[in-house]
Amino acid sequence: MRYDAAKRAFLVKKYYELKSFGLVQRAWRTQFKNSKAPMRNTIQSLVSRFEQTGSVASRPPTRTMPNERKEERIKRIRDLFSATATMSTRKASRATGIPYKTIHCILKDDLHLKPYKIHDWHLLEPGDYQKRLDFAHFFGGLPKNAASHTLFCDESYFYLTPPVNKQNDRMWLGSKPQDGIERPLHDDKALVWCAISCGQVYGPYFFEETVNQYNYLDMLKNFFWKAHCQAPNFKKYYFVQDGATPHTANSVQNYLKSKFSDRFFTKDIWPPRSPDINPCDFFLWGYLKDRVYNPMPKTVDELKANIKREFKKITEQMLKSTFSNFLKRLETIKELDGGHIEEK
């Protein structure tokens, strides 16, 4: 609300008489009975202006050409986000006085910036960088068609209660919803193993208990190897697994060496803490977990049925694209001297 000169003078005069914003508001209500008392910030602003200029007259508006004003805002926003790239548009709005929607438009349309998310990586220990680099060079030294004859395997848990992505899952409603997902303390789950190559998928295989060297070796003998022997040119394949404890047991290592000979990647070859170069981790599990909850399973058996259904939908083209991505990741590791892969 704008006040005329007489009312502004009244507010400043009463402040110096009473030394209290609350008493000034009370005096206003007494003097101007049908008018709402000004806010404390308004009175404080008038007093500050009077102390700076010796006048209660309104400040003349600053005449700034629209283009000049926009360029000034762009410069302020550029300088602010160059110094602090993680600042939110609302915090930037409070810091600059520019509406946050305007800031968002400047960032997107004028500065051509994009809101990237912070990566969440496995912690690499000092020796891991060299091991990752060694693996990239090792695989690059294999025959050119090695990627098309390589099997990667892994295990993952699928929980009966679906995961919630709080960043992307939204409910567009007129009022705050009361709905939610009840999550049990100990959720039922299925432990799934699979192996994938450039042209086929082995699995899913469901472990009924925690994986150990004994049931893992039993699965390799009675499920995986029987299926793999049916594949064309099965003797040409390389076999890769990560460094999980059941995988590195001597009995497991010896069995796989007996079947794949020098085409088995032993525990000394695979770099630790590197799910970003295992196709099961960077593609398969995420792809499946986005799909197995439609329709929503009510029991573990229904969850397993959904998993089997989605495995059957994986196409050869998807697998070829995944292994092409795998080779690109190895090249990125070489460029980064074994560091984290930026694009996941």
Protein backbone atom coordinates (compact mmCIF):
# COMPACT_ATOMS: atom_id res chain seq x y z
CA MET A 1 0.00 0.00 0.00
CA ARG A 2 1.32 3.48 -0.89
CA TYR A 3 1.01 6.29 1.67
CA ASP A 4 0.87 10.02 0.94
CA ALA A 5 3.50 12.41 2.31
CA ALA A 6 1.41 13.39 5.37
CA LYS A 7 0.97 9.78 6.48
CA ARG A 8 4.64 8.97 5.94
CA ALA A 9 5.60 11.98 8.02
CA PHE A 10 3.16 10.89 10.75
CA LEU A 11 4.78 7.45 10.94
CA VAL A 12 8.34 8.81 11.15
CA LYS A 13 7.41 11.47 13.71
CA LYS A 14 5.59 8.99 15.96
CA TYR A 15 8.52 6.57 15.80
CA TYR A 16 10.92 9.19 17.13
CA GLU A 17 8.40 10.11 19.83
CA LEU A 18 7.51 6.60 20.97
CA LYS A 19 10.64 4.56 20.02
CA SER A 20 8.48 1.48 19.36
CA PHE A 21 7.02 0.06 16.19
CA GLY A 22 4.13 -1.46 18.13
CA LEU A 23 3.22 1.89 19.70
CA VAL A 24 3.44 3.59 16.29
CA GLN A 25 0.93 1.07 14.92
CA ARG A 26 -1.36 1.75 17.91
CA ALA A 27 -1.12 5.50 17.31
CA TRP A 28 -1.97 4.94 13.65
CA ARG A 29 -5.12 3.00 14.53
CA THR A 30 -6.14 5.83 16.86
CA GLN A 31 -5.50 8.53 14.26
CA PHE A 32 -6.80 6.68 11.19
CA LYS A 33 -9.64 4.55 12.51
CA ASN A 34 -10.75 3.08 9.17
CA SER A 35 -7.25 2.31 7.88
CA LYS A 36 -5.16 -0.80 8.57
CA ALA A 37 -1.91 -0.07 10.40
CA PRO A 38 1.25 -0.46 8.28
CA MET A 39 3.54 -3.43 8.82
CA ARG A 40 6.64 -3.14 11.00
CA ASN A 41 8.89 -3.53 7.91
CA THR A 42 7.12 -0.60 6.22
CA ILE A 43 7.67 1.70 9.19
CA GLN A 44 11.28 0.60 9.51
CA SER A 45 11.88 1.27 5.80
CA LEU A 46 10.42 4.79 6.09
CA VAL A 47 12.59 5.58 9.11
CA SER A 48 15.72 4.26 7.37
CA ARG A 49 14.96 6.34 4.27
CA PHE A 50 14.47 9.45 6.39
CA GLU A 51 17.79 8.88 8.17
CA GLN A 52 19.60 8.42 4.86
CA THR A 53 18.01 11.25 2.86
CA GLY A 54 16.43 13.58 5.46
CA SER A 55 13.13 13.27 3.59
CA VAL A 56 10.05 11.07 3.58
CA ALA A 57 9.34 11.78 -0.08
CA SER A 58 8.92 8.79 -2.38
CA ARG A 59 12.01 7.77 -4.29
CA PRO A 60 11.72 8.45 -8.00
CA PRO A 61 11.66 5.21 -9.99
CA THR A 62 14.95 4.24 -11.61
CA ARG A 63 14.55 4.47 -15.33
CA THR A 64 16.25 1.42 -16.75
CA MET A 65 15.71 0.21 -20.25
CA PRO A 66 14.23 -3.33 -20.33
CA ASN A 67 17.23 -4.80 -22.20
CA GLU A 68 19.68 -3.16 -19.81
CA ARG A 69 17.77 -4.55 -16.84
CA LYS A 70 17.73 -8.05 -18.32
CA GLU A 71 21.45 -7.98 -19.09
CA GLU A 72 22.15 -6.84 -15.55
CA ARG A 73 20.09 -9.75 -14.16
CA ILE A 74 21.80 -12.24 -16.45
CA LYS A 75 25.21 -11.03 -15.28
CA ARG A 76 24.22 -11.30 -11.61
CA ILE A 77 22.85 -14.82 -12.07
CA ARG A 78 25.90 -15.90 -14.10
CA ASP A 79 28.29 -14.62 -11.42
CA LEU A 80 26.25 -16.19 -8.62
CA PHE A 81 26.04 -19.68 -10.12
CA SER A 82 29.65 -19.58 -11.33
CA ALA A 83 30.65 -19.24 -7.68
CA THR A 84 28.05 -21.69 -6.28
CA ALA A 85 26.70 -24.14 -8.86
CA THR A 86 24.66 -26.11 -6.29
CA MET A 87 22.53 -23.16 -5.17
CA SER A 88 18.78 -23.60 -5.65
CA THR A 89 16.75 -21.06 -7.61
CA ARG A 90 14.81 -20.12 -4.47
CA LYS A 91 17.98 -19.39 -2.49
CA ALA A 92 19.28 -17.41 -5.46
CA SER A 93 16.02 -15.47 -5.47
CA ARG A 94 16.43 -14.56 -1.80
CA ALA A 95 20.04 -13.53 -2.41
CA THR A 96 19.33 -11.35 -5.46
CA GLY A 97 15.71 -10.25 -5.09
CA ILE A 98 14.94 -11.65 -8.54
CA PRO A 99 11.85 -13.93 -8.79
CA TYR A 100 12.93 -17.58 -8.80
CA LYS A 101 10.90 -18.30 -11.95
CA THR A 102 12.83 -15.55 -13.73
CA ILE A 103 16.07 -17.08 -12.48
CA HIS A 104 15.02 -20.47 -13.83
CA CYS A 105 14.31 -18.95 -17.26
CA ILE A 106 17.67 -17.14 -17.29
CA LEU A 107 19.54 -20.31 -16.36
CA LYS A 108 17.79 -22.35 -19.04
CA ASP A 109 17.18 -19.91 -21.92
CA ASP A 110 19.96 -17.33 -21.59
CA LEU A 111 22.84 -19.17 -19.92
CA HIS A 112 21.90 -22.57 -21.45
CA LEU A 113 22.58 -24.45 -18.22
CA LYS A 114 21.01 -27.78 -17.23
CA PRO A 115 20.09 -29.06 -13.73
CA TYR A 116 22.40 -32.08 -13.40
CA LYS A 117 22.09 -34.36 -10.38
CA ILE A 118 25.04 -35.13 -8.13
CA HIS A 119 26.46 -38.59 -8.85
CA ASP A 120 26.43 -41.24 -6.14
CA TRP A 121 29.50 -43.45 -6.62
CA HIS A 122 31.10 -46.38 -4.89
CA LEU A 123 34.03 -45.27 -2.78
CA LEU A 124 37.22 -46.22 -4.59
CA GLU A 125 40.26 -47.07 -2.51
CA PRO A 126 43.70 -45.83 -3.63
CA GLY A 127 44.65 -49.10 -5.33
CA ASP A 128 41.34 -49.43 -7.18
CA TYR A 129 42.16 -46.80 -9.80
CA GLN A 130 45.09 -48.77 -11.18
CA LYS A 131 43.11 -52.04 -11.09
CA ARG A 132 40.29 -50.45 -13.08
CA LEU A 133 42.77 -49.08 -15.57
CA ASP A 134 44.53 -52.47 -15.83
CA PHE A 135 41.19 -54.19 -16.52
CA ALA A 136 40.32 -51.70 -19.28
CA HIS A 137 43.67 -52.31 -20.97
CA PHE A 138 43.40 -56.08 -20.41
CA PHE A 139 39.99 -56.28 -22.07
CA GLY A 140 41.16 -54.00 -24.87
CA GLY A 141 43.96 -56.47 -25.56
CA LEU A 142 41.56 -59.35 -26.17
CA PRO A 143 40.46 -60.29 -29.73
CA LYS A 144 38.14 -57.76 -31.39
CA ASN A 145 35.06 -59.97 -31.03
CA ALA A 146 35.64 -60.61 -27.30
CA ALA A 147 32.75 -58.34 -26.21
CA SER A 148 30.29 -60.35 -28.31
CA HIS A 149 31.43 -63.55 -26.56
CA THR A 150 31.57 -62.37 -22.95
CA LEU A 151 29.20 -63.39 -20.16
CA PHE A 152 28.69 -61.11 -17.19
CA CYS A 153 26.79 -62.40 -14.14
CA ASP A 154 25.48 -60.93 -10.90
CA GLU A 155 22.82 -61.23 -8.17
CA SER A 156 20.30 -58.70 -6.93
CA TYR A 157 17.42 -58.51 -4.46
CA PHE A 158 13.91 -57.63 -5.65
CA TYR A 159 11.67 -56.52 -2.77
CA LEU A 160 7.95 -57.17 -2.69
CA THR A 161 7.25 -53.54 -1.75
CA PRO A 162 8.19 -51.36 -4.74
CA PRO A 163 10.90 -48.73 -4.34
CA VAL A 164 9.86 -45.06 -4.34
CA ASN A 165 11.83 -42.45 -6.25
CA LYS A 166 11.10 -39.36 -4.17
CA GLN A 167 12.78 -37.17 -6.76
CA ASN A 168 10.72 -38.25 -9.77
CA ASP A 169 7.53 -39.88 -8.42
CA ARG A 170 4.92 -37.14 -8.07
CA MET A 171 1.17 -36.88 -7.41
CA TRP A 172 -0.46 -33.90 -9.11
CA LEU A 173 -3.43 -33.08 -6.88
CA GLY A 174 -5.35 -30.07 -5.62
CA SER A 175 -4.45 -30.71 -1.98
CA LYS A 176 -1.84 -32.62 -0.01
CA PRO A 177 -2.55 -36.37 -0.31
CA GLN A 178 -2.89 -38.74 2.61
CA ASP A 179 -1.81 -41.72 0.53
CA GLY A 180 1.51 -43.48 1.00
CA ILE A 181 3.25 -46.82 0.73
CA GLU A 182 3.40 -48.96 3.86
CA ARG A 183 6.81 -50.61 4.08
CA PRO A 184 7.23 -53.57 6.44
CA LEU A 185 10.23 -53.73 8.75
CA HIS A 186 11.36 -56.99 7.15
CA ASP A 187 10.12 -56.97 3.57
CA ASP A 188 9.69 -60.18 1.58
CA LYS A 189 12.11 -60.40 -1.32
CA ALA A 190 13.46 -62.55 -4.11
CA LEU A 191 17.19 -63.03 -4.70
CA VAL A 192 17.83 -63.25 -8.44
CA TRP A 193 20.91 -64.38 -10.36
CA CYS A 194 21.42 -64.02 -14.07
CA ALA A 195 24.12 -63.85 -16.71
CA ILE A 196 23.94 -61.83 -19.91
CA SER A 197 25.96 -61.72 -23.08
CA CYS A 198 25.70 -59.68 -26.24
CA GLY A 199 23.10 -62.07 -27.61
CA GLN A 200 21.35 -63.95 -24.82
CA VAL A 201 20.26 -64.05 -21.19
CA TYR A 202 20.73 -66.89 -18.70
CA GLY A 203 18.13 -66.73 -15.99
CA PRO A 204 16.48 -65.70 -13.89
CA TYR A 205 17.65 -68.13 -11.24
CA PHE A 206 16.12 -67.66 -7.77
CA PHE A 207 18.14 -68.42 -4.66
CA GLU A 208 15.93 -69.46 -1.77
CA GLU A 209 18.49 -68.40 0.83
CA THR A 210 21.52 -66.14 1.12
CA VAL A 211 24.15 -66.92 -1.49
CA ASN A 212 27.21 -68.80 -0.31
CA GLN A 213 29.96 -70.71 -2.08
CA TYR A 214 28.02 -74.00 -1.88
CA ASN A 215 24.67 -73.02 -3.34
CA TYR A 216 26.40 -70.72 -5.83
CA LEU A 217 28.57 -73.58 -7.08
CA ASP A 218 25.51 -75.84 -7.21
CA MET A 219 23.72 -73.25 -9.37
CA LEU A 220 26.69 -72.99 -11.74
CA LYS A 221 26.80 -76.76 -12.20
CA ASN A 222 23.10 -77.61 -12.41
CA PHE A 223 21.61 -74.48 -13.96
CA PHE A 224 24.11 -72.26 -15.73
CA TRP A 225 26.49 -74.75 -17.29
CA LYS A 226 23.71 -77.01 -18.55
CA ALA A 227 22.11 -74.02 -20.29
CA HIS A 228 25.40 -72.64 -21.57
CA CYS A 229 26.35 -75.93 -23.24
CA GLN A 230 23.31 -75.53 -25.47
CA ALA A 231 24.52 -72.17 -26.83
CA PRO A 232 26.22 -72.05 -30.26
CA ASN A 233 30.02 -71.81 -29.97
CA PHE A 234 29.78 -72.02 -26.18
CA LYS A 235 33.51 -72.77 -25.90
CA LYS A 236 34.37 -69.33 -27.30
CA TYR A 237 32.83 -67.41 -24.38
CA TYR A 238 34.59 -65.51 -21.63
CA PHE A 239 33.04 -65.58 -18.15
CA VAL A 240 33.13 -62.54 -15.81
CA GLN A 241 31.87 -62.16 -12.23
CA ASP A 242 32.52 -59.56 -9.55
CA GLY A 243 34.46 -60.03 -6.33
CA ALA A 244 31.58 -61.06 -4.05
CA THR A 245 32.68 -63.57 -1.41
CA PRO A 246 30.81 -66.59 -2.88
CA HIS A 247 32.37 -65.84 -6.28
CA THR A 248 35.95 -65.80 -5.02
CA ALA A 249 35.83 -69.08 -3.10
CA ASN A 250 38.51 -71.50 -4.28
CA SER A 251 35.96 -74.20 -5.16
CA VAL A 252 34.07 -71.75 -7.41
CA GLN A 253 37.21 -70.37 -9.00
CA ASN A 254 38.57 -73.85 -9.72
CA TYR A 255 35.29 -75.02 -11.25
CA LEU A 256 35.05 -72.06 -13.61
CA LYS A 257 38.70 -72.44 -14.60
CA SER A 258 38.01 -76.07 -15.48
CA LYS A 259 35.12 -75.05 -17.74
CA PHE A 260 36.40 -71.83 -19.35
CA SER A 261 40.18 -72.32 -19.02
CA ASP A 262 41.98 -69.02 -19.75
CA ARG A 263 38.65 -67.45 -20.80
CA PHE A 264 37.60 -67.18 -17.17
CA PHE A 265 38.36 -63.80 -15.56
CA THR A 266 39.74 -64.78 -12.17
CA LYS A 267 39.31 -62.75 -8.99
CA ASP A 268 42.65 -61.07 -9.67
CA ILE A 269 41.46 -59.64 -12.99
CA TRP A 270 38.10 -58.04 -12.09
CA PRO A 271 38.58 -54.65 -10.37
CA PRO A 272 36.84 -54.26 -6.98
CA ARG A 273 34.04 -51.75 -6.38
CA SER A 274 33.27 -51.40 -10.10
CA PRO A 275 29.54 -51.94 -10.72
CA ASP A 276 29.73 -49.12 -13.27
CA ILE A 277 31.37 -51.50 -15.77
CA ASN A 278 29.23 -54.58 -15.11
CA PRO A 279 26.28 -54.59 -17.58
CA CYS A 280 24.10 -56.32 -14.99
CA ASP A 281 24.57 -53.37 -12.63
CA PHE A 282 24.55 -50.38 -14.96
CA PHE A 283 21.69 -51.68 -17.14
CA LEU A 284 19.87 -54.89 -16.28
CA TRP A 285 18.80 -54.50 -12.67
CA GLY A 286 17.59 -50.93 -13.04
CA TYR A 287 15.71 -51.80 -16.22
CA LEU A 288 13.93 -54.73 -14.58
CA LYS A 289 13.06 -52.97 -11.33
CA ASP A 290 11.28 -50.25 -13.30
CA ARG A 291 8.97 -52.86 -14.82
CA VAL A 292 8.34 -55.80 -12.51
CA TYR A 293 5.88 -53.87 -10.31
CA ASN A 294 3.29 -53.50 -13.06
CA PRO A 295 0.96 -55.10 -12.20
CA MET A 296 1.75 -54.81 -8.51
CA PRO A 297 2.65 -58.25 -7.07
CA LYS A 298 0.96 -59.28 -3.82
CA THR A 299 3.16 -62.28 -3.06
CA VAL A 300 6.75 -63.30 -3.70
CA ASP A 301 5.52 -65.88 -6.20
CA GLU A 302 3.77 -63.13 -8.19
CA LEU A 303 6.93 -61.03 -7.99
CA LYS A 304 8.96 -63.93 -9.40
CA ALA A 305 6.41 -64.39 -12.19
CA ASN A 306 6.74 -60.71 -13.10
CA ILE A 307 10.53 -61.00 -13.13
CA LYS A 308 10.39 -64.00 -15.47
CA ARG A 309 7.98 -62.12 -17.73
CA GLU A 310 10.26 -59.09 -18.01
CA PHE A 311 13.35 -61.21 -18.62
CA LYS A 312 11.64 -62.66 -21.69
CA LYS A 313 11.08 -59.14 -23.05
CA ILE A 314 14.80 -58.30 -23.18
CA THR A 315 15.72 -58.14 -26.86
CA GLU A 316 18.99 -58.88 -28.61
CA GLN A 317 19.15 -55.25 -29.73
CA MET A 318 19.00 -54.09 -26.11
CA LEU A 319 21.87 -56.42 -25.24
CA LYS A 320 24.00 -55.24 -28.17
CA SER A 321 23.44 -51.63 -27.15
CA THR A 322 24.40 -52.48 -23.55
CA PHE A 323 27.67 -54.12 -24.57
CA SER A 324 28.46 -51.24 -26.88
CA ASN A 325 28.02 -49.00 -23.84
CA PHE A 326 30.32 -51.32 -21.87
CA LEU A 327 33.13 -50.79 -24.39
CA LYS A 328 32.61 -47.02 -24.26
CA ARG A 329 32.89 -47.15 -20.47
CA LEU A 330 36.22 -48.93 -20.71
CA GLU A 331 37.51 -46.17 -22.98
CA THR A 332 36.26 -43.57 -20.49
CA ILE A 333 38.11 -45.33 -17.68
CA LYS A 334 41.31 -45.09 -19.71
CA GLU A 335 40.74 -41.38 -20.26
CA LEU A 336 40.11 -40.84 -16.52
CA ASP A 337 43.06 -42.96 -15.36
CA GLY A 338 40.75 -45.43 -13.65
CA GLY A 339 38.44 -42.83 -12.13
CA HIS A 340 34.66 -42.77 -11.84
CA ILE A 341 32.66 -42.82 -15.04
CA GLU A 342 30.76 -39.54 -15.35
CA GLU A 343 27.81 -40.80 -17.40
CA LYS A 344 25.79 -43.60 -15.78
